[in-house]
Amino acid sequence: MTTALDTRVYVVDDHQEFRQSCVWILEQANFQVRDFASALALLKEFSRETPPARSCIVSDIRMPGMTGLELQSELSHRGVSIPLIFVTGHGDVPLAVDAMRHGAANFIEKPFDAPLLIDAIHTALANHAPQTASPALTKLTRRERQVLDGIMSGKLNKVIADELSISPKTVELHRSNLMAKLGAHNVVELTRVVLGQN
């Protein structure tokens, strides 16, 4: 039987006091804890060392530099599959919906009680099936990957076109090609393929 001692929790938040508070709460619950002041610092850690099988990330959703949602997207692109729990002081419902739509395990509003966070981590780990990014993604061209990134971020074709300095028609063509290559008929199926759930 696994225990909290077998689990590592990565805490990512730019506010030092909040990080220290989280670390204290989680260490009292016998979790292994590592904390980071930014999403980029966490990604550097993951570049150096593969996280243990039983890991969880607790991250602020709004941070300077790379946001929690951008971290979520980057982890997905790297094929890193770890339950991610977002915390925020803003209670931003659209952000919560977006985070959950992209696979976040939970979303907690600051301030919260210690048991809520601990329960959220246990639930996230219990419900998490390890996933790896689909090998099918290697079939995509660089431009198709860029269009896919836009789609996964919930952007409209016109917005993707503006960002990539191409026409909306060209975006539609790339979108059609990448969905055919990945065997997806809609965005839900596409998301499953990207997350390796197909």
C-alpha atoms as a PDB file:
ATOM      1  CA  MET A   1       0.000   0.000   0.000  1.00  0.00           C
ATOM      2  CA  THR A   2       1.348   3.427  -0.948  1.00  0.00           C
ATOM      3  CA  THR A   3       1.500   6.241   1.567  1.00  0.00           C
ATOM      4  CA  ALA A   4       2.127   9.977   1.488  1.00  0.00           C
ATOM      5  CA  LEU A   5       5.814   9.189   2.120  1.00  0.00           C
ATOM      6  CA  ASP A   6       5.967   7.545  -1.332  1.00  0.00           C
ATOM      7  CA  THR A   7       4.611  10.694  -2.974  1.00  0.00           C
ATOM      8  CA  ARG A   8       6.446  13.811  -4.083  1.00  0.00           C
ATOM      9  CA  VAL A   9       4.545  17.084  -4.364  1.00  0.00           C
ATOM     10  CA  TYR A  10       5.973  19.972  -6.393  1.00  0.00           C
ATOM     11  CA  VAL A  11       4.703  23.356  -5.198  1.00  0.00           C
ATOM     12  CA  VAL A  12       4.973  26.197  -7.743  1.00  0.00           C
ATOM     13  CA  ASP A  13       4.048  29.729  -6.678  1.00  0.00           C
ATOM     14  CA  ASP A  14       5.755  33.113  -6.976  1.00  0.00           C
ATOM     15  CA  HIS A  15       4.629  34.124  -3.450  1.00  0.00           C
ATOM     16  CA  GLN A  16       7.214  32.881  -0.960  1.00  0.00           C
ATOM     17  CA  GLU A  17       4.902  32.957   2.075  1.00  0.00           C
ATOM     18  CA  PHE A  18       2.291  30.825   0.311  1.00  0.00           C
ATOM     19  CA  ARG A  19       4.952  28.343  -0.832  1.00  0.00           C
ATOM     20  CA  GLN A  20       6.356  28.032   2.674  1.00  0.00           C
ATOM     21  CA  SER A  21       2.859  27.549   4.095  1.00  0.00           C
ATOM     22  CA  CYS A  22       2.102  24.819   1.514  1.00  0.00           C
ATOM     23  CA  VAL A  23       5.418  23.075   2.159  1.00  0.00           C
ATOM     24  CA  TRP A  24       4.732  23.056   5.904  1.00  0.00           C
ATOM     25  CA  ILE A  25       1.168  21.690   5.432  1.00  0.00           C
ATOM     26  CA  LEU A  26       2.353  18.942   3.068  1.00  0.00           C
ATOM     27  CA  GLU A  27       5.386  17.941   5.120  1.00  0.00           C
ATOM     28  CA  GLN A  28       3.113  17.642   8.183  1.00  0.00           C
ATOM     29  CA  ALA A  29       1.062  15.189   6.072  1.00  0.00           C
ATOM     30  CA  ASN A  30       4.295  13.247   5.369  1.00  0.00           C
ATOM     31  CA  PHE A  31       4.634  14.139   1.675  1.00  0.00           C
ATOM     32  CA  GLN A  32       8.042  14.671   0.082  1.00  0.00           C
ATOM     33  CA  VAL A  33       7.922  18.310  -1.039  1.00  0.00           C
ATOM     34  CA  ARG A  34       9.942  20.465  -3.420  1.00  0.00           C
ATOM     35  CA  ASP A  35       9.014  24.084  -4.004  1.00  0.00           C
ATOM     36  CA  PHE A  36       9.727  26.461  -6.878  1.00  0.00           C
ATOM     37  CA  ALA A  37       9.223  30.220  -7.346  1.00  0.00           C
ATOM     38  CA  SER A  38       8.355  29.831 -11.043  1.00  0.00           C
ATOM     39  CA  ALA A  39       7.105  27.372 -13.641  1.00  0.00           C
ATOM     40  CA  LEU A  40      10.421  27.671 -15.504  1.00  0.00           C
ATOM     41  CA  ALA A  41      12.325  26.601 -12.366  1.00  0.00           C
ATOM     42  CA  LEU A  42      10.137  23.481 -12.157  1.00  0.00           C
ATOM     43  CA  LEU A  43      10.710  22.685 -15.846  1.00  0.00           C
ATOM     44  CA  LYS A  44      14.488  23.018 -15.323  1.00  0.00           C
ATOM     45  CA  GLU A  45      14.205  20.523 -12.460  1.00  0.00           C
ATOM     46  CA  PHE A  46      12.283  18.105 -14.720  1.00  0.00           C
ATOM     47  CA  SER A  47      14.987  18.483 -17.396  1.00  0.00           C
ATOM     48  CA  ARG A  48      17.590  17.367 -14.840  1.00  0.00           C
ATOM     49  CA  GLU A  49      15.594  14.696 -13.031  1.00  0.00           C
ATOM     50  CA  THR A  50      12.568  12.607 -13.972  1.00  0.00           C
ATOM     51  CA  PRO A  51       9.837  12.999 -11.332  1.00  0.00           C
ATOM     52  CA  PRO A  52       8.918   9.854  -9.340  1.00  0.00           C
ATOM     53  CA  ALA A  53       5.966   7.769 -10.537  1.00  0.00           C
ATOM     54  CA  ARG A  54       3.777   9.051  -7.687  1.00  0.00           C
ATOM     55  CA  SER A  55       4.070  12.799  -8.098  1.00  0.00           C
ATOM     56  CA  CYS A  56       1.685  15.728  -8.065  1.00  0.00           C
ATOM     57  CA  ILE A  57       2.069  19.420  -8.898  1.00  0.00           C
ATOM     58  CA  VAL A  58       0.332  22.161  -6.925  1.00  0.00           C
ATOM     59  CA  SER A  59       0.691  25.360  -8.943  1.00  0.00           C
ATOM     60  CA  ASP A  60      -0.597  28.900  -8.872  1.00  0.00           C
ATOM     61  CA  ILE A  61      -2.514  29.617 -12.059  1.00  0.00           C
ATOM     62  CA  ARG A  62      -1.456  33.275 -12.361  1.00  0.00           C
ATOM     63  CA  MET A  63       2.293  33.850 -12.183  1.00  0.00           C
ATOM     64  CA  PRO A  64       4.690  36.271 -13.861  1.00  0.00           C
ATOM     65  CA  GLY A  65       6.643  34.797 -16.752  1.00  0.00           C
ATOM     66  CA  MET A  66       5.044  31.428 -17.474  1.00  0.00           C
ATOM     67  CA  THR A  67       1.496  31.025 -16.133  1.00  0.00           C
ATOM     68  CA  GLY A  68       0.113  27.824 -14.678  1.00  0.00           C
ATOM     69  CA  LEU A  69      -1.842  27.163 -17.883  1.00  0.00           C
ATOM     70  CA  GLU A  70       1.317  27.609 -19.963  1.00  0.00           C
ATOM     71  CA  LEU A  71       3.100  25.194 -17.619  1.00  0.00           C
ATOM     72  CA  GLN A  72       0.253  22.710 -18.131  1.00  0.00           C
ATOM     73  CA  SER A  73       0.595  23.030 -21.903  1.00  0.00           C
ATOM     74  CA  GLU A  74       4.395  22.661 -21.812  1.00  0.00           C
ATOM     75  CA  LEU A  75       4.209  19.535 -19.648  1.00  0.00           C
ATOM     76  CA  SER A  76       1.741  18.043 -22.127  1.00  0.00           C
ATOM     77  CA  HIS A  77       4.084  18.805 -25.057  1.00  0.00           C
ATOM     78  CA  ARG A  78       6.977  17.187 -23.197  1.00  0.00           C
ATOM     79  CA  GLY A  79       4.884  14.090 -22.531  1.00  0.00           C
ATOM     80  CA  VAL A  80       5.148  14.613 -18.747  1.00  0.00           C
ATOM     81  CA  SER A  81       2.041  13.142 -17.168  1.00  0.00           C
ATOM     82  CA  ILE A  82       1.592  14.277 -13.569  1.00  0.00           C
ATOM     83  CA  PRO A  83      -1.666  15.289 -11.862  1.00  0.00           C
ATOM     84  CA  LEU A  84      -1.821  19.070 -11.661  1.00  0.00           C
ATOM     85  CA  ILE A  85      -3.830  20.959  -9.050  1.00  0.00           C
ATOM     86  CA  PHE A  86      -4.232  24.683  -9.597  1.00  0.00           C
ATOM     87  CA  VAL A  87      -4.612  27.232  -6.821  1.00  0.00           C
ATOM     88  CA  THR A  88      -5.549  30.855  -7.313  1.00  0.00           C
ATOM     89  CA  GLY A  89      -6.538  33.876  -5.309  1.00  0.00           C
ATOM     90  CA  HIS A  90      -8.610  35.223  -8.159  1.00  0.00           C
ATOM     91  CA  GLY A  91     -11.459  32.702  -8.317  1.00  0.00           C
ATOM     92  CA  ASP A  92     -11.354  33.067 -12.071  1.00  0.00           C
ATOM     93  CA  VAL A  93     -14.037  30.658 -13.332  1.00  0.00           C
ATOM     94  CA  PRO A  94     -13.085  30.810 -17.049  1.00  0.00           C
ATOM     95  CA  LEU A  95      -9.491  29.952 -16.123  1.00  0.00           C
ATOM     96  CA  ALA A  96     -10.736  27.071 -13.988  1.00  0.00           C
ATOM     97  CA  VAL A  97     -12.844  25.737 -16.847  1.00  0.00           C
ATOM     98  CA  ASP A  98      -9.913  26.035 -19.258  1.00  0.00           C
ATOM     99  CA  ALA A  99      -7.571  24.293 -16.811  1.00  0.00           C
ATOM    100  CA  MET A 100      -9.997  21.425 -16.227  1.00  0.00           C
ATOM    101  CA  ARG A 101     -10.688  21.124 -19.960  1.00  0.00           C
ATOM    102  CA  HIS A 102      -6.965  20.636 -20.503  1.00  0.00           C
ATOM    103  CA  GLY A 103      -6.723  17.926 -17.873  1.00  0.00           C
ATOM    104  CA  ALA A 104      -6.114  19.658 -14.534  1.00  0.00           C
ATOM    105  CA  ALA A 105      -6.969  17.355 -11.638  1.00  0.00           C
ATOM    106  CA  ASN A 106      -8.519  20.083  -9.495  1.00  0.00           C
ATOM    107  CA  PHE A 107      -8.831  23.814  -8.908  1.00  0.00           C
ATOM    108  CA  ILE A 108      -8.722  25.336  -5.417  1.00  0.00           C
ATOM    109  CA  GLU A 109      -9.340  28.939  -4.411  1.00  0.00           C
ATOM    110  CA  LYS A 110      -6.997  30.658  -1.943  1.00  0.00           C
ATOM    111  CA  PRO A 111      -7.243  30.768   1.000  1.00  0.00           C
ATOM    112  CA  PHE A 112      -8.015  27.099   1.676  1.00  0.00           C
ATOM    113  CA  ASP A 113      -7.867  24.732   4.641  1.00  0.00           C
ATOM    114  CA  ALA A 114      -5.032  22.203   4.834  1.00  0.00           C
ATOM    115  CA  PRO A 115      -7.365  19.139   4.657  1.00  0.00           C
ATOM    116  CA  LEU A 116      -8.826  20.421   1.356  1.00  0.00           C
ATOM    117  CA  LEU A 117      -5.385  20.503  -0.279  1.00  0.00           C
ATOM    118  CA  ILE A 118      -4.361  17.114   1.146  1.00  0.00           C
ATOM    119  CA  ASP A 119      -7.640  15.505   0.014  1.00  0.00           C
ATOM    120  CA  ALA A 120      -7.244  17.060  -3.451  1.00  0.00           C
ATOM    121  CA  ILE A 121      -3.758  15.528  -3.784  1.00  0.00           C
ATOM    122  CA  HIS A 122      -4.927  12.069  -2.659  1.00  0.00           C
ATOM    123  CA  THR A 123      -7.904  12.226  -5.057  1.00  0.00           C
ATOM    124  CA  ALA A 124      -5.753  13.438  -7.970  1.00  0.00           C
ATOM    125  CA  LEU A 125      -3.280  10.587  -7.460  1.00  0.00           C
ATOM    126  CA  ALA A 126      -6.027   7.981  -7.085  1.00  0.00           C
ATOM    127  CA  ASN A 127      -7.710   9.105 -10.309  1.00  0.00           C
ATOM    128  CA  HIS A 128      -4.528   9.525 -12.322  1.00  0.00           C
ATOM    129  CA  ALA A 129      -3.659   7.018 -14.989  1.00  0.00           C
ATOM    130  CA  PRO A 130      -0.127   7.599 -16.285  1.00  0.00           C
ATOM    131  CA  GLN A 131      -0.197   8.896 -19.841  1.00  0.00           C
ATOM    132  CA  THR A 132       2.422   9.608 -22.396  1.00  0.00           C
ATOM    133  CA  ALA A 133       2.139  11.937 -25.339  1.00  0.00           C
ATOM    134  CA  SER A 134       0.961  10.085 -28.411  1.00  0.00           C
ATOM    135  CA  PRO A 135       3.730   8.907 -30.769  1.00  0.00           C
ATOM    136  CA  ALA A 136       1.341  10.017 -33.548  1.00  0.00           C
ATOM    137  CA  LEU A 137       2.430  13.619 -32.817  1.00  0.00           C
ATOM    138  CA  THR A 138       5.765  12.871 -34.491  1.00  0.00           C
ATOM    139  CA  LYS A 139       3.877  12.648 -37.815  1.00  0.00           C
ATOM    140  CA  LEU A 140       3.084  16.373 -37.701  1.00  0.00           C
ATOM    141  CA  THR A 141       5.064  19.060 -39.485  1.00  0.00           C
ATOM    142  CA  ARG A 142       6.422  21.998 -37.464  1.00  0.00           C
ATOM    143  CA  ARG A 143       3.595  24.238 -38.746  1.00  0.00           C
ATOM    144  CA  GLU A 144       0.950  21.609 -37.919  1.00  0.00           C
ATOM    145  CA  ARG A 145       2.360  21.434 -34.363  1.00  0.00           C
ATOM    146  CA  GLN A 146       2.047  25.242 -34.103  1.00  0.00           C
ATOM    147  CA  VAL A 147      -1.572  25.091 -35.271  1.00  0.00           C
ATOM    148  CA  LEU A 148      -2.218  22.204 -32.860  1.00  0.00           C
ATOM    149  CA  ASP A 149      -0.783  24.289 -29.992  1.00  0.00           C
ATOM    150  CA  GLY A 150      -3.247  27.050 -30.897  1.00  0.00           C
ATOM    151  CA  ILE A 151      -6.183  24.625 -31.010  1.00  0.00           C
ATOM    152  CA  MET A 152      -5.192  23.123 -27.631  1.00  0.00           C
ATOM    153  CA  SER A 153      -5.088  26.662 -26.200  1.00  0.00           C
ATOM    154  CA  GLY A 154      -8.708  27.132 -27.320  1.00  0.00           C
ATOM    155  CA  LYS A 155      -7.848  29.758 -29.942  1.00  0.00           C
ATOM    156  CA  LEU A 156      -9.991  30.450 -32.997  1.00  0.00           C
ATOM    157  CA  ASN A 157      -8.566  29.818 -36.476  1.00  0.00           C
ATOM    158  CA  LYS A 158      -8.427  33.581 -37.111  1.00  0.00           C
ATOM    159  CA  VAL A 159      -6.357  34.156 -33.934  1.00  0.00           C
ATOM    160  CA  ILE A 160      -4.007  31.286 -34.818  1.00  0.00           C
ATOM    161  CA  ALA A 161      -3.661  32.734 -38.324  1.00  0.00           C
ATOM    162  CA  ASP A 162      -2.776  36.183 -36.948  1.00  0.00           C
ATOM    163  CA  GLU A 163      -0.198  34.743 -34.541  1.00  0.00           C
ATOM    164  CA  LEU A 164       1.469  32.628 -37.242  1.00  0.00           C
ATOM    165  CA  SER A 165       1.150  35.326 -39.955  1.00  0.00           C
ATOM    166  CA  ILE A 166      -0.733  32.994 -42.289  1.00  0.00           C
ATOM    167  CA  SER A 167      -4.271  33.102 -43.686  1.00  0.00           C
ATOM    168  CA  PRO A 168      -7.254  31.543 -41.860  1.00  0.00           C
ATOM    169  CA  LYS A 169      -7.697  29.291 -44.930  1.00  0.00           C
ATOM    170  CA  THR A 170      -4.161  27.957 -44.442  1.00  0.00           C
ATOM    171  CA  VAL A 171      -4.900  27.323 -40.757  1.00  0.00           C
ATOM    172  CA  GLU A 172      -8.027  25.373 -41.793  1.00  0.00           C
ATOM    173  CA  LEU A 173      -5.912  23.297 -44.198  1.00  0.00           C
ATOM    174  CA  HIS A 174      -3.285  22.527 -41.512  1.00  0.00           C
ATOM    175  CA  ARG A 175      -6.060  21.784 -39.015  1.00  0.00           C
ATOM    176  CA  SER A 176      -7.711  19.351 -41.427  1.00  0.00           C
ATOM    177  CA  ASN A 177      -4.364  17.654 -42.204  1.00  0.00           C
ATOM    178  CA  LEU A 178      -3.286  17.261 -38.580  1.00  0.00           C
ATOM    179  CA  MET A 179      -6.690  15.889 -37.528  1.00  0.00           C
ATOM    180  CA  ALA A 180      -6.521  13.350 -40.366  1.00  0.00           C
ATOM    181  CA  LYS A 181      -2.974  12.344 -39.362  1.00  0.00           C
ATOM    182  CA  LEU A 182      -4.037  11.930 -35.725  1.00  0.00           C
ATOM    183  CA  GLY A 183      -7.310  10.181 -36.564  1.00  0.00           C
ATOM    184  CA  ALA A 184      -9.398  12.773 -34.721  1.00  0.00           C
ATOM    185  CA  HIS A 185     -12.827  13.992 -35.844  1.00  0.00           C
ATOM    186  CA  ASN A 186     -13.306  16.764 -33.275  1.00  0.00           C
ATOM    187  CA  VAL A 187     -11.430  18.726 -30.602  1.00  0.00           C
ATOM    188  CA  VAL A 188     -12.368  16.269 -27.826  1.00  0.00           C
ATOM    189  CA  GLU A 189     -10.833  13.364 -29.767  1.00  0.00           C
ATOM    190  CA  LEU A 190      -7.855  15.558 -30.655  1.00  0.00           C
ATOM    191  CA  THR A 191      -7.272  16.355 -26.970  1.00  0.00           C
ATOM    192  CA  ARG A 192      -7.370  12.640 -26.105  1.00  0.00           C
ATOM    193  CA  VAL A 193      -4.771  11.884 -28.798  1.00  0.00           C
ATOM    194  CA  VAL A 194      -2.498  14.695 -27.592  1.00  0.00           C
ATOM    195  CA  LEU A 195      -2.765  13.450 -23.997  1.00  0.00           C
ATOM    196  CA  GLY A 196      -2.179   9.856 -25.068  1.00  0.00           C
ATOM    197  CA  GLN A 197      -5.639   8.733 -23.955  1.00  0.00           C
ATOM    198  CA  ASN A 198      -6.701   7.330 -27.326  1.00  0.00           C
END
